[in-house]
PDB file of N, CA and C in Angstrom:
ATOM      1  N   MET A   1    -134.440 -44.508   9.577  1.00  0.00           N
ATOM      2  CA  MET A   1    -133.291 -44.363  11.003  1.00  0.00           C
ATOM      3  C   MET A   1    -132.248 -43.438  10.323  1.00  0.00           C
ATOM      4  N   THR A   2    -132.211 -42.744  10.655  1.00  0.00           N
ATOM      5  CA  THR A   2    -131.288 -41.297  10.216  1.00  0.00           C
ATOM      6  C   THR A   2    -129.596 -42.065  10.002  1.00  0.00           C
ATOM      7  N   PRO A   3    -128.871 -41.507   9.557  1.00  0.00           N
ATOM      8  CA  PRO A   3    -127.334 -41.287  10.003  1.00  0.00           C
ATOM      9  C   PRO A   3    -126.718 -41.384  11.568  1.00  0.00           C
ATOM     10  N   HIS A   4    -127.604 -40.318  11.851  1.00  0.00           N
ATOM     11  CA  HIS A   4    -127.210 -39.183  12.670  1.00  0.00           C
ATOM     12  C   HIS A   4    -127.791 -40.516  14.058  1.00  0.00           C
ATOM     13  N   ARG A   5    -128.407 -40.575  13.973  1.00  0.00           N
ATOM     14  CA  ARG A   5    -129.154 -41.344  15.039  1.00  0.00           C
ATOM     15  C   ARG A   5    -128.309 -43.027  14.781  1.00  0.00           C
ATOM     16  N   ALA A   6    -127.742 -43.841  13.680  1.00  0.00           N
ATOM     17  CA  ALA A   6    -127.401 -45.184  13.842  1.00  0.00           C
ATOM     18  C   ALA A   6    -126.072 -45.269  14.123  1.00  0.00           C
ATOM     19  N   THR A   7    -125.014 -43.535  14.138  1.00  0.00           N
ATOM     20  CA  THR A   7    -124.229 -43.425  14.264  1.00  0.00           C
ATOM     21  C   THR A   7    -123.888 -43.697  15.854  1.00  0.00           C
ATOM     22  N   LEU A   8    -124.993 -42.842  16.767  1.00  0.00           N
ATOM     23  CA  LEU A   8    -125.073 -42.381  18.298  1.00  0.00           C
ATOM     24  C   LEU A   8    -125.974 -43.540  18.862  1.00  0.00           C
ATOM     25  N   ASP A   9    -126.365 -44.676  17.941  1.00  0.00           N
ATOM     26  CA  ASP A   9    -126.853 -46.012  18.844  1.00  0.00           C
ATOM     27  C   ASP A   9    -124.590 -47.125  18.348  1.00  0.00           C
ATOM     28  N   LEU A  10    -124.319 -46.937  17.412  1.00  0.00           N
ATOM     29  CA  LEU A  10    -122.947 -47.582  17.585  1.00  0.00           C
ATOM     30  C   LEU A  10    -122.566 -47.208  18.324  1.00  0.00           C
ATOM     31  N   ALA A  11    -122.154 -46.140  18.775  1.00  0.00           N
ATOM     32  CA  ALA A  11    -121.562 -45.244  19.885  1.00  0.00           C
ATOM     33  C   ALA A  11    -121.769 -45.649  21.070  1.00  0.00           C
ATOM     34  N   LEU A  12    -122.916 -45.777  21.733  1.00  0.00           N
ATOM     35  CA  LEU A  12    -123.514 -46.211  22.644  1.00  0.00           C
ATOM     36  C   LEU A  12    -123.286 -48.045  22.606  1.00  0.00           C
ATOM     37  N   PHE A  13    -123.289 -48.586  21.713  1.00  0.00           N
ATOM     38  CA  PHE A  13    -122.903 -50.015  21.697  1.00  0.00           C
ATOM     39  C   PHE A  13    -121.514 -49.949  22.215  1.00  0.00           C
ATOM     40  N   CYS A  14    -120.734 -49.375  21.763  1.00  0.00           N
ATOM     41  CA  CYS A  14    -119.047 -49.346  22.251  1.00  0.00           C
ATOM     42  C   CYS A  14    -118.715 -48.787  23.343  1.00  0.00           C
ATOM     43  N   ALA A  15    -119.842 -47.609  23.908  1.00  0.00           N
ATOM     44  CA  ALA A  15    -119.198 -47.052  25.123  1.00  0.00           C
ATOM     45  C   ALA A  15    -119.103 -47.917  26.369  1.00  0.00           C
ATOM     46  N   GLY A  16    -120.274 -49.187  26.341  1.00  0.00           N
ATOM     47  CA  GLY A  16    -119.796 -49.628  28.044  1.00  0.00           C
ATOM     48  C   GLY A  16    -118.435 -50.189  28.055  1.00  0.00           C
ATOM     49  N   PHE A  17    -117.768 -50.984  26.796  1.00  0.00           N
ATOM     50  CA  PHE A  17    -116.774 -51.612  27.030  1.00  0.00           C
ATOM     51  C   PHE A  17    -115.955 -51.055  27.236  1.00  0.00           C
ATOM     52  N   LEU A  18    -115.995 -49.601  26.665  1.00  0.00           N
ATOM     53  CA  LEU A  18    -114.735 -48.363  26.334  1.00  0.00           C
ATOM     54  C   LEU A  18    -114.474 -47.841  28.000  1.00  0.00           C
ATOM     55  N   ILE A  19    -115.902 -48.056  28.951  1.00  0.00           N
ATOM     56  CA  ILE A  19    -116.125 -47.684  30.004  1.00  0.00           C
ATOM     57  C   ILE A  19    -114.855 -48.799  31.229  1.00  0.00           C
ATOM     58  N   TRP A  20    -115.258 -50.070  30.108  1.00  0.00           N
ATOM     59  CA  TRP A  20    -114.627 -51.350  31.437  1.00  0.00           C
ATOM     60  C   TRP A  20    -113.255 -51.185  30.891  1.00  0.00           C
ATOM     61  N   SER A  21    -112.779 -50.968  29.939  1.00  0.00           N
ATOM     62  CA  SER A  21    -111.594 -50.618  29.584  1.00  0.00           C
ATOM     63  C   SER A  21    -110.784 -49.197  30.315  1.00  0.00           C
ATOM     64  N   SER A  22    -111.550 -48.307  30.596  1.00  0.00           N
ATOM     65  CA  SER A  22    -111.127 -47.489  30.957  1.00  0.00           C
ATOM     66  C   SER A  22    -110.987 -47.702  32.828  1.00  0.00           C
ATOM     67  N   ALA A  23    -111.913 -48.245  33.200  1.00  0.00           N
ATOM     68  CA  ALA A  23    -111.684 -48.758  34.731  1.00  0.00           C
ATOM     69  C   ALA A  23    -110.267 -49.906  34.439  1.00  0.00           C
ATOM     70  N   PHE A  24    -110.330 -50.670  34.179  1.00  0.00           N
ATOM     71  CA  PHE A  24    -109.430 -51.654  34.085  1.00  0.00           C
ATOM     72  C   PHE A  24    -107.925 -51.016  34.179  1.00  0.00           C
ATOM     73  N   LEU A  25    -107.823 -50.189  33.010  1.00  0.00           N
ATOM     74  CA  LEU A  25    -106.281 -49.589  32.706  1.00  0.00           C
ATOM     75  C   LEU A  25    -106.436 -48.533  34.013  1.00  0.00           C
ATOM     76  N   ALA A  26    -107.623 -47.865  34.623  1.00  0.00           N
ATOM     77  CA  ALA A  26    -107.019 -46.860  35.639  1.00  0.00           C
ATOM     78  C   ALA A  26    -106.684 -47.032  36.875  1.00  0.00           C
ATOM     79  N   LEU A  27    -107.309 -48.246  37.126  1.00  0.00           N
ATOM     80  CA  LEU A  27    -107.211 -49.184  38.954  1.00  0.00           C
ATOM     81  C   LEU A  27    -105.767 -50.086  38.694  1.00  0.00           C
ATOM     82  N   TYR A  28    -105.641 -50.680  37.505  1.00  0.00           N
ATOM     83  CA  TYR A  28    -104.211 -51.678  37.647  1.00  0.00           C
ATOM     84  C   TYR A  28    -103.262 -50.430  37.680  1.00  0.00           C
ATOM     85  N   GLY A  29    -103.503 -48.834  36.499  1.00  0.00           N
ATOM     86  CA  GLY A  29    -102.148 -48.371  36.440  1.00  0.00           C
ATOM     87  C   GLY A  29    -102.274 -47.503  37.625  1.00  0.00           C
ATOM     88  N   VAL A  30    -103.186 -47.217  38.381  1.00  0.00           N
ATOM     89  CA  VAL A  30    -103.090 -46.672  39.812  1.00  0.00           C
ATOM     90  C   VAL A  30    -102.472 -47.383  40.896  1.00  0.00           C
ATOM     91  N   GLN A  31    -102.974 -48.913  40.818  1.00  0.00           N
ATOM     92  CA  GLN A  31    -102.105 -49.632  41.921  1.00  0.00           C
ATOM     93  C   GLN A  31    -100.768 -49.897  41.888  1.00  0.00           C
ATOM     94  N   GLY A  32    -100.491 -50.313  40.135  1.00  0.00           N
ATOM     95  CA  GLY A  32     -99.116 -50.072  39.874  1.00  0.00           C
ATOM     96  C   GLY A  32     -98.274 -48.722  40.834  1.00  0.00           C
ATOM     97  N   LEU A  33     -98.793 -47.360  40.321  1.00  0.00           N
ATOM     98  CA  LEU A  33     -98.455 -46.537  40.426  1.00  0.00           C
ATOM     99  C   LEU A  33     -97.970 -46.211  42.046  1.00  0.00           C
ATOM    100  N   GLY A  34     -99.165 -46.825  43.014  1.00  0.00           N
ATOM    101  CA  GLY A  34     -99.405 -46.054  44.397  1.00  0.00           C
ATOM    102  C   GLY A  34     -98.771 -47.709  45.088  1.00  0.00           C
ATOM    103  N   CYS A  35     -98.404 -48.648  44.423  1.00  0.00           N
ATOM    104  CA  CYS A  35     -97.459 -49.791  44.958  1.00  0.00           C
ATOM    105  C   CYS A  35     -96.228 -48.619  45.635  1.00  0.00           C
ATOM    106  N   SER A  36     -95.716 -48.214  43.634  1.00  0.00           N
ATOM    107  CA  SER A  36     -94.543 -48.185  44.219  1.00  0.00           C
ATOM    108  C   SER A  36     -93.808 -47.379  44.587  1.00  0.00           C
ATOM    109  N   ALA A  37     -94.773 -46.168  44.902  1.00  0.00           N
ATOM    110  CA  ALA A  37     -94.717 -45.040  45.586  1.00  0.00           C
ATOM    111  C   ALA A  37     -95.078 -44.764  47.404  1.00  0.00           C
ATOM    112  N   GLY A  38     -95.912 -45.957  47.544  1.00  0.00           N
ATOM    113  CA  GLY A  38     -95.648 -46.800  49.216  1.00  0.00           C
ATOM    114  C   GLY A  38     -96.773 -46.027  49.668  1.00  0.00           C
ATOM    115  N   TRP A  39     -98.002 -45.733  48.588  1.00  0.00           N
ATOM    116  CA  TRP A  39     -99.510 -45.199  48.975  1.00  0.00           C
ATOM    117  C   TRP A  39     -99.915 -46.650  49.929  1.00  0.00           C
ATOM    118  N   ALA A  40     -99.566 -47.570  49.933  1.00  0.00           N
ATOM    119  CA  ALA A  40    -100.064 -48.401  50.202  1.00  0.00           C
ATOM    120  C   ALA A  40     -99.352 -49.032  51.959  1.00  0.00           C
ATOM    121  N   ASP A  41     -98.840 -47.761  52.312  1.00  0.00           N
ATOM    122  CA  ASP A  41     -97.898 -48.000  53.744  1.00  0.00           C
ATOM    123  C   ASP A  41     -98.472 -46.595  54.247  1.00  0.00           C
ATOM    124  N   VAL A  42     -98.940 -45.984  53.804  1.00  0.00           N
ATOM    125  CA  VAL A  42     -99.825 -44.520  54.003  1.00  0.00           C
ATOM    126  C   VAL A  42    -101.076 -44.734  54.721  1.00  0.00           C
ATOM    127  N   ARG A  43    -100.930 -44.869  56.494  1.00  0.00           N
ATOM    128  CA  ARG A  43    -102.089 -45.264  56.807  1.00  0.00           C
ATOM    129  C   ARG A  43    -103.096 -44.632  57.575  1.00  0.00           C
ATOM    130  N   PHE A  44    -104.432 -44.217  57.250  1.00  0.00           N
ATOM    131  CA  PHE A  44    -105.067 -43.413  58.182  1.00  0.00           C
ATOM    132  C   PHE A  44    -105.976 -44.351  59.194  1.00  0.00           C
ATOM    133  N   GLY A  45    -105.900 -44.893  60.341  1.00  0.00           N
ATOM    134  CA  GLY A  45    -106.739 -45.552  61.147  1.00  0.00           C
ATOM    135  C   GLY A  45    -106.128 -46.701  60.431  1.00  0.00           C
ATOM    136  N   SER A  46    -107.373 -47.857  60.304  1.00  0.00           N
ATOM    137  CA  SER A  46    -106.344 -48.861  59.415  1.00  0.00           C
ATOM    138  C   SER A  46    -107.090 -48.584  58.031  1.00  0.00           C
ATOM    139  N   VAL A  47    -107.080 -48.362  57.666  1.00  0.00           N
ATOM    140  CA  VAL A  47    -107.307 -47.904  55.674  1.00  0.00           C
ATOM    141  C   VAL A  47    -106.462 -47.748  55.532  1.00  0.00           C
ATOM    142  N   THR A  48    -105.086 -47.831  54.726  1.00  0.00           N
ATOM    143  CA  THR A  48    -104.500 -47.027  53.333  1.00  0.00           C
ATOM    144  C   THR A  48    -104.708 -46.584  52.731  1.00  0.00           C
ATOM    145  N   LEU A  49    -103.691 -45.221  51.961  1.00  0.00           N
ATOM    146  CA  LEU A  49    -104.256 -44.050  51.294  1.00  0.00           C
ATOM    147  C   LEU A  49    -104.386 -45.205  50.007  1.00  0.00           C
ATOM    148  N   LEU A  50    -104.146 -46.294  49.753  1.00  0.00           N
ATOM    149  CA  LEU A  50    -103.826 -46.585  48.149  1.00  0.00           C
ATOM    150  C   LEU A  50    -105.602 -47.371  47.908  1.00  0.00           C
ATOM    151  N   ARG A  51    -106.173 -47.580  48.891  1.00  0.00           N
ATOM    152  CA  ARG A  51    -107.707 -48.795  48.767  1.00  0.00           C
ATOM    153  C   ARG A  51    -108.948 -47.650  48.730  1.00  0.00           C
ATOM    154  N   PRO A  52    -109.124 -46.070  49.632  1.00  0.00           N
ATOM    155  CA  PRO A  52    -109.933 -45.871  49.175  1.00  0.00           C
ATOM    156  C   PRO A  52    -110.022 -45.444  47.726  1.00  0.00           C
ATOM    157  N   LEU A  53    -108.426 -44.711  47.606  1.00  0.00           N
ATOM    158  CA  LEU A  53    -108.955 -44.015  46.169  1.00  0.00           C
ATOM    159  C   LEU A  53    -109.003 -45.041  45.013  1.00  0.00           C
ATOM    160  N   LEU A  54    -108.925 -46.199  44.348  1.00  0.00           N
ATOM    161  CA  LEU A  54    -108.904 -47.078  43.833  1.00  0.00           C
ATOM    162  C   LEU A  54    -110.739 -47.562  43.710  1.00  0.00           C
ATOM    163  N   ILE A  55    -111.311 -47.583  45.002  1.00  0.00           N
ATOM    164  CA  ILE A  55    -112.314 -47.715  45.316  1.00  0.00           C
ATOM    165  C   ILE A  55    -113.088 -46.689  44.620  1.00  0.00           C
ATOM    166  N   ALA A  56    -113.101 -45.118  44.969  1.00  0.00           N
ATOM    167  CA  ALA A  56    -113.331 -44.334  44.107  1.00  0.00           C
ATOM    168  C   ALA A  56    -113.458 -44.236  42.930  1.00  0.00           C
ATOM    169  N   ILE A  57    -112.247 -44.495  42.512  1.00  0.00           N
ATOM    170  CA  ILE A  57    -111.961 -44.689  40.697  1.00  0.00           C
ATOM    171  C   ILE A  57    -112.824 -46.353  40.395  1.00  0.00           C
ATOM    172  N   TRP A  58    -113.026 -46.705  41.058  1.00  0.00           N
ATOM    173  CA  TRP A  58    -114.175 -48.256  41.093  1.00  0.00           C
ATOM    174  C   TRP A  58    -115.483 -47.943  40.653  1.00  0.00           C
ATOM    175  N   VAL A  59    -115.866 -46.763  42.132  1.00  0.00           N
ATOM    176  CA  VAL A  59    -117.229 -46.235  42.041  1.00  0.00           C
ATOM    177  C   VAL A  59    -117.401 -45.626  41.116  1.00  0.00           C
ATOM    178  N   ALA A  60    -116.975 -44.623  40.330  1.00  0.00           N
ATOM    179  CA  ALA A  60    -116.902 -43.339  39.063  1.00  0.00           C
ATOM    180  C   ALA A  60    -117.590 -44.293  38.168  1.00  0.00           C
ATOM    181  N   HIS A  61    -116.520 -44.793  37.706  1.00  0.00           N
ATOM    182  CA  HIS A  61    -116.974 -45.772  36.604  1.00  0.00           C
ATOM    183  C   HIS A  61    -118.028 -46.685  36.201  1.00  0.00           C
ATOM    184  N   LEU A  62    -118.521 -47.315  37.947  1.00  0.00           N
ATOM    185  CA  LEU A  62    -119.324 -48.080  38.075  1.00  0.00           C
ATOM    186  C   LEU A  62    -120.904 -47.084  38.281  1.00  0.00           C
ATOM    187  N   ALA A  63    -120.708 -45.752  38.264  1.00  0.00           N
ATOM    188  CA  ALA A  63    -121.592 -45.306  38.515  1.00  0.00           C
ATOM    189  C   ALA A  63    -121.977 -44.140  36.580  1.00  0.00           C
ATOM    190  N   ALA A  64    -120.854 -44.191  36.048  1.00  0.00           N
ATOM    191  CA  ALA A  64    -120.846 -43.980  34.787  1.00  0.00           C
ATOM    192  C   ALA A  64    -121.208 -45.164  33.947  1.00  0.00           C
ATOM    193  N   LEU A  65    -121.351 -45.863  34.176  1.00  0.00           N
ATOM    194  CA  LEU A  65    -122.229 -47.438  32.934  1.00  0.00           C
ATOM    195  C   LEU A  65    -123.362 -47.393  33.691  1.00  0.00           C
ATOM    196  N   LEU A  66    -123.580 -47.049  35.019  1.00  0.00           N
ATOM    197  CA  LEU A  66    -124.518 -47.093  35.140  1.00  0.00           C
ATOM    198  C   LEU A  66    -126.140 -46.454  34.638  1.00  0.00           C
ATOM    199  N   ALA A  67    -125.043 -44.935  34.694  1.00  0.00           N
ATOM    200  CA  ALA A  67    -125.727 -43.881  33.374  1.00  0.00           C
ATOM    201  C   ALA A  67    -126.452 -44.044  32.503  1.00  0.00           C
ATOM    202  N   LEU A  68    -124.543 -45.105  31.428  1.00  0.00           N
ATOM    203  CA  LEU A  68    -125.410 -45.455  30.439  1.00  0.00           C
ATOM    204  C   LEU A  68    -126.040 -46.183  30.264  1.00  0.00           C
ATOM    205  N   ALA A  69    -126.197 -47.748  31.094  1.00  0.00           N
ATOM    206  CA  ALA A  69    -127.633 -48.355  31.404  1.00  0.00           C
ATOM    207  C   ALA A  69    -128.898 -47.616  31.302  1.00  0.00           C
ATOM    208  N   PHE A  70    -128.888 -46.365  32.089  1.00  0.00           N
ATOM    209  CA  PHE A  70    -130.323 -45.965  32.033  1.00  0.00           C
ATOM    210  C   PHE A  70    -130.519 -45.024  31.016  1.00  0.00           C
ATOM    211  N   TRP A  71    -128.988 -44.722  30.451  1.00  0.00           N
ATOM    212  CA  TRP A  71    -129.689 -43.416  29.034  1.00  0.00           C
ATOM    213  C   TRP A  71    -129.802 -44.520  27.982  1.00  0.00           C
ATOM    214  N   THR A  72    -129.171 -45.731  27.600  1.00  0.00           N
ATOM    215  CA  THR A  72    -129.623 -46.549  26.292  1.00  0.00           C
ATOM    216  C   THR A  72    -131.092 -47.471  26.751  1.00  0.00           C
ATOM    217  N   ARG A  73    -131.275 -47.378  27.984  1.00  0.00           N
ATOM    218  CA  ARG A  73    -132.471 -48.133  28.404  1.00  0.00           C
ATOM    219  C   ARG A  73    -133.645 -47.086  27.812  1.00  0.00           C
ATOM    220  N   ARG A  74    -133.666 -45.803  28.319  1.00  0.00           N
ATOM    221  CA  ARG A  74    -133.961 -45.052  27.695  1.00  0.00           C
ATOM    222  C   ARG A  74    -134.562 -44.887  26.644  1.00  0.00           C
ATOM    223  N   ARG A  75    -133.453 -44.387  25.620  1.00  0.00           N
ATOM    224  CA  ARG A  75    -133.372 -44.963  24.241  1.00  0.00           C
ATOM    225  C   ARG A  75    -134.549 -45.449  23.533  1.00  0.00           C
ATOM    226  N   MET A  76    -134.578 -47.036  23.774  1.00  0.00           N
ATOM    227  CA  MET A  76    -134.997 -47.833  23.492  1.00  0.00           C
ATOM    228  C   MET A  76    -136.639 -47.721  23.200  1.00  0.00           C
ATOM    229  N   ARG A  77    -137.190 -46.669  24.257  1.00  0.00           N
ATOM    230  CA  ARG A  77    -139.178 -46.162  24.410  1.00  0.00           C
ATOM    231  C   ARG A  77    -138.836 -46.126  23.110  1.00  0.00           C
ATOM    232  N   ASP A  78    -138.037 -45.328  22.259  1.00  0.00           N
ATOM    233  CA  ASP A  78    -138.219 -44.072  20.941  1.00  0.00           C
ATOM    234  C   ASP A  78    -138.471 -44.876  19.778  1.00  0.00           C
ATOM    235  N   GLY A  79    -138.165 -46.587  19.919  1.00  0.00           N
ATOM    236  CA  GLY A  79    -138.038 -47.472  19.034  1.00  0.00           C
ATOM    237  C   GLY A  79    -137.255 -48.356  19.505  1.00  0.00           C
ATOM    238  N   ALA A  80    -137.649 -49.749  19.806  1.00  0.00           N
ATOM    239  CA  ALA A  80    -136.129 -50.935  20.263  1.00  0.00           C
ATOM    240  C   ALA A  80    -135.800 -51.423  18.802  1.00  0.00           C
ATOM    241  N   ASN A  81    -134.898 -50.687  18.309  1.00  0.00           N
ATOM    242  CA  ASN A  81    -134.328 -51.303  16.873  1.00  0.00           C
ATOM    243  C   ASN A  81    -133.541 -52.379  17.704  1.00  0.00           C
ATOM    244  N   PHE A  82    -132.483 -53.459  17.052  1.00  0.00           N
ATOM    245  CA  PHE A  82    -131.771 -53.944  17.630  1.00  0.00           C
ATOM    246  C   PHE A  82    -130.625 -53.423  18.143  1.00  0.00           C
ATOM    247  N   LEU A  83    -130.164 -52.465  17.371  1.00  0.00           N
ATOM    248  CA  LEU A  83    -128.806 -51.789  17.751  1.00  0.00           C
ATOM    249  C   LEU A  83    -128.865 -51.287  19.466  1.00  0.00           C
ATOM    250  N   ARG A  84    -130.547 -50.750  19.615  1.00  0.00           N
ATOM    251  CA  ARG A  84    -130.645 -50.101  20.667  1.00  0.00           C
ATOM    252  C   ARG A  84    -130.962 -51.026  21.587  1.00  0.00           C
ATOM    253  N   ARG A  85    -131.524 -52.231  21.550  1.00  0.00           N
ATOM    254  CA  ARG A  85    -131.039 -53.502  22.428  1.00  0.00           C
ATOM    255  C   ARG A  85    -129.791 -54.258  23.384  1.00  0.00           C
ATOM    256  N   ALA A  86    -129.315 -54.007  21.660  1.00  0.00           N
ATOM    257  CA  ALA A  86    -127.923 -54.272  21.807  1.00  0.00           C
ATOM    258  C   ALA A  86    -127.148 -53.322  23.179  1.00  0.00           C
ATOM    259  N   ALA A  87    -126.811 -52.073  22.384  1.00  0.00           N
ATOM    260  CA  ALA A  87    -126.552 -51.282  23.520  1.00  0.00           C
ATOM    261  C   ALA A  87    -126.579 -51.182  24.802  1.00  0.00           C
ATOM    262  N   TYR A  88    -127.820 -51.867  24.725  1.00  0.00           N
ATOM    263  CA  TYR A  88    -128.291 -51.911  26.504  1.00  0.00           C
ATOM    264  C   TYR A  88    -128.176 -52.891  26.986  1.00  0.00           C
ATOM    265  N   ALA A  89    -127.907 -54.276  26.310  1.00  0.00           N
ATOM    266  CA  ALA A  89    -127.158 -55.215  26.513  1.00  0.00           C
ATOM    267  C   ALA A  89    -125.428 -55.167  27.224  1.00  0.00           C
ATOM    268  N   MET A  90    -125.196 -54.258  26.037  1.00  0.00           N
ATOM    269  CA  MET A  90    -123.936 -54.758  26.511  1.00  0.00           C
ATOM    270  C   MET A  90    -123.288 -53.383  27.277  1.00  0.00           C
ATOM    271  N   SER A  91    -123.625 -52.249  27.555  1.00  0.00           N
ATOM    272  CA  SER A  91    -123.528 -51.562  28.782  1.00  0.00           C
ATOM    273  C   SER A  91    -124.071 -52.482  30.423  1.00  0.00           C
ATOM    274  N   CYS A  92    -124.791 -52.975  30.425  1.00  0.00           N
ATOM    275  CA  CYS A  92    -125.296 -54.129  32.342  1.00  0.00           C
ATOM    276  C   CYS A  92    -123.775 -55.416  31.428  1.00  0.00           C
ATOM    277  N   VAL A  93    -123.347 -55.776  29.869  1.00  0.00           N
ATOM    278  CA  VAL A  93    -122.448 -56.679  30.966  1.00  0.00           C
ATOM    279  C   VAL A  93    -121.692 -56.296  30.624  1.00  0.00           C
ATOM    280  N   ALA A  94    -120.770 -54.401  30.119  1.00  0.00           N
ATOM    281  CA  ALA A  94    -119.674 -54.033  30.532  1.00  0.00           C
ATOM    282  C   ALA A  94    -119.835 -53.984  32.172  1.00  0.00           C
ATOM    283  N   GLY A  95    -120.926 -53.441  32.887  1.00  0.00           N
ATOM    284  CA  GLY A  95    -121.127 -53.265  34.328  1.00  0.00           C
ATOM    285  C   GLY A  95    -120.661 -54.657  35.245  1.00  0.00           C
ATOM    286  N   LEU A  96    -121.553 -55.539  34.359  1.00  0.00           N
ATOM    287  CA  LEU A  96    -120.765 -57.039  35.209  1.00  0.00           C
ATOM    288  C   LEU A  96    -119.615 -56.974  35.007  1.00  0.00           C
ATOM    289  N   ALA A  97    -118.960 -56.898  34.077  1.00  0.00           N
ATOM    290  CA  ALA A  97    -117.199 -56.874  33.662  1.00  0.00           C
ATOM    291  C   ALA A  97    -116.795 -56.343  34.285  1.00  0.00           C
ATOM    292  N   THR A  98    -117.121 -54.878  34.911  1.00  0.00           N
ATOM    293  CA  THR A  98    -116.392 -53.784  36.375  1.00  0.00           C
ATOM    294  C   THR A  98    -116.349 -54.424  36.822  1.00  0.00           C
ATOM    295  N   ILE A  99    -117.575 -54.972  37.699  1.00  0.00           N
ATOM    296  CA  ILE A  99    -117.774 -55.247  39.435  1.00  0.00           C
ATOM    297  C   ILE A  99    -116.660 -56.423  39.033  1.00  0.00           C
ATOM    298  N   TRP A 100    -116.797 -57.074  38.244  1.00  0.00           N
ATOM    299  CA  TRP A 100    -115.529 -58.442  38.082  1.00  0.00           C
ATOM    300  C   TRP A 100    -114.321 -57.948  38.193  1.00  0.00           C
ATOM    301  N   THR A 101    -114.255 -57.413  37.684  1.00  0.00           N
ATOM    302  CA  THR A 101    -112.658 -57.287  37.327  1.00  0.00           C
ATOM    303  C   THR A 101    -112.109 -56.318  39.111  1.00  0.00           C
ATOM    304  N   GLY A 102    -113.267 -55.227  39.212  1.00  0.00           N
ATOM    305  CA  GLY A 102    -112.832 -53.839  40.207  1.00  0.00           C
ATOM    306  C   GLY A 102    -112.890 -54.883  41.768  1.00  0.00           C
ATOM    307  N   ALA A 103    -113.142 -56.064  42.061  1.00  0.00           N
ATOM    308  CA  ALA A 103    -114.250 -56.293  43.056  1.00  0.00           C
ATOM    309  C   ALA A 103    -112.817 -56.984  44.025  1.00  0.00           C
ATOM    310  N   PRO A 104    -111.636 -57.831  43.338  1.00  0.00           N
ATOM    311  CA  PRO A 104    -110.657 -57.817  44.274  1.00  0.00           C
ATOM    312  C   PRO A 104    -110.045 -56.778  45.482  1.00  0.00           C
ATOM    313  N   ILE A 105    -110.170 -55.028  44.760  1.00  0.00           N
ATOM    314  CA  ILE A 105    -109.494 -54.141  45.540  1.00  0.00           C
ATOM    315  C   ILE A 105    -110.542 -53.960  46.732  1.00  0.00           C
ATOM    316  N   LEU A 106    -111.339 -54.898  47.419  1.00  0.00           N
ATOM    317  CA  LEU A 106    -112.520 -54.980  48.994  1.00  0.00           C
ATOM    318  C   LEU A 106    -111.958 -55.543  49.803  1.00  0.00           C
ATOM    319  N   GLY A 107    -111.287 -56.473  48.914  1.00  0.00           N
ATOM    320  CA  GLY A 107    -110.306 -57.770  50.443  1.00  0.00           C
ATOM    321  C   GLY A 107    -108.707 -57.923  49.991  1.00  0.00           C
ATOM    322  N   LEU A 108    -108.404 -58.061  49.018  1.00  0.00           N
ATOM    323  CA  LEU A 108    -107.012 -58.605  48.673  1.00  0.00           C
ATOM    324  C   LEU A 108    -105.924 -57.811  49.501  1.00  0.00           C
ATOM    325  N   THR A 109    -104.617 -58.381  49.263  1.00  0.00           N
ATOM    326  CA  THR A 109    -103.887 -57.390  49.192  1.00  0.00           C
ATOM    327  C   THR A 109    -103.350 -56.550  48.540  1.00  0.00           C
ATOM    328  N   MET A 110    -103.044 -55.307  48.296  1.00  0.00           N
ATOM    329  CA  MET A 110    -102.861 -54.325  47.430  1.00  0.00           C
ATOM    330  C   MET A 110    -101.012 -54.811  46.768  1.00  0.00           C
ATOM    331  N   CYS A 111    -100.329 -54.885  47.377  1.00  0.00           N
ATOM    332  CA  CYS A 111     -98.835 -54.762  47.122  1.00  0.00           C
ATOM    333  C   CYS A 111     -98.068 -55.922  46.940  1.00  0.00           C
ATOM    334  N   ASN A 112     -98.546 -56.785  47.545  1.00  0.00           N
ATOM    335  CA  ASN A 112     -97.766 -57.812  48.087  1.00  0.00           C
ATOM    336  C   ASN A 112     -98.156 -59.095  46.803  1.00  0.00           C
TER     337      ASN A 112
END
């Protein structure tokens, strides 16, 4: 394995949880900002401004993790060494962690 490929494999190993941490920070940062700015009180019918914004952030991060999982899975076709298999597994686990940490925005109150 060339040093470049090993470096890329190591970066992909870390990428899933970097995306998860980005989702975590973005969701809870925007939620706090939205509550302090009053976005939870702005309504469009039965939906507040804050909830669709948080869902969009969450879905964007889930899409990035899904793309990462497909990419790491595809890279395993070129030779499935330990680091490539681990990168794929970590991207899947990061996706599950992102679903778990973001799911409360679907049903819980935003600012109480």
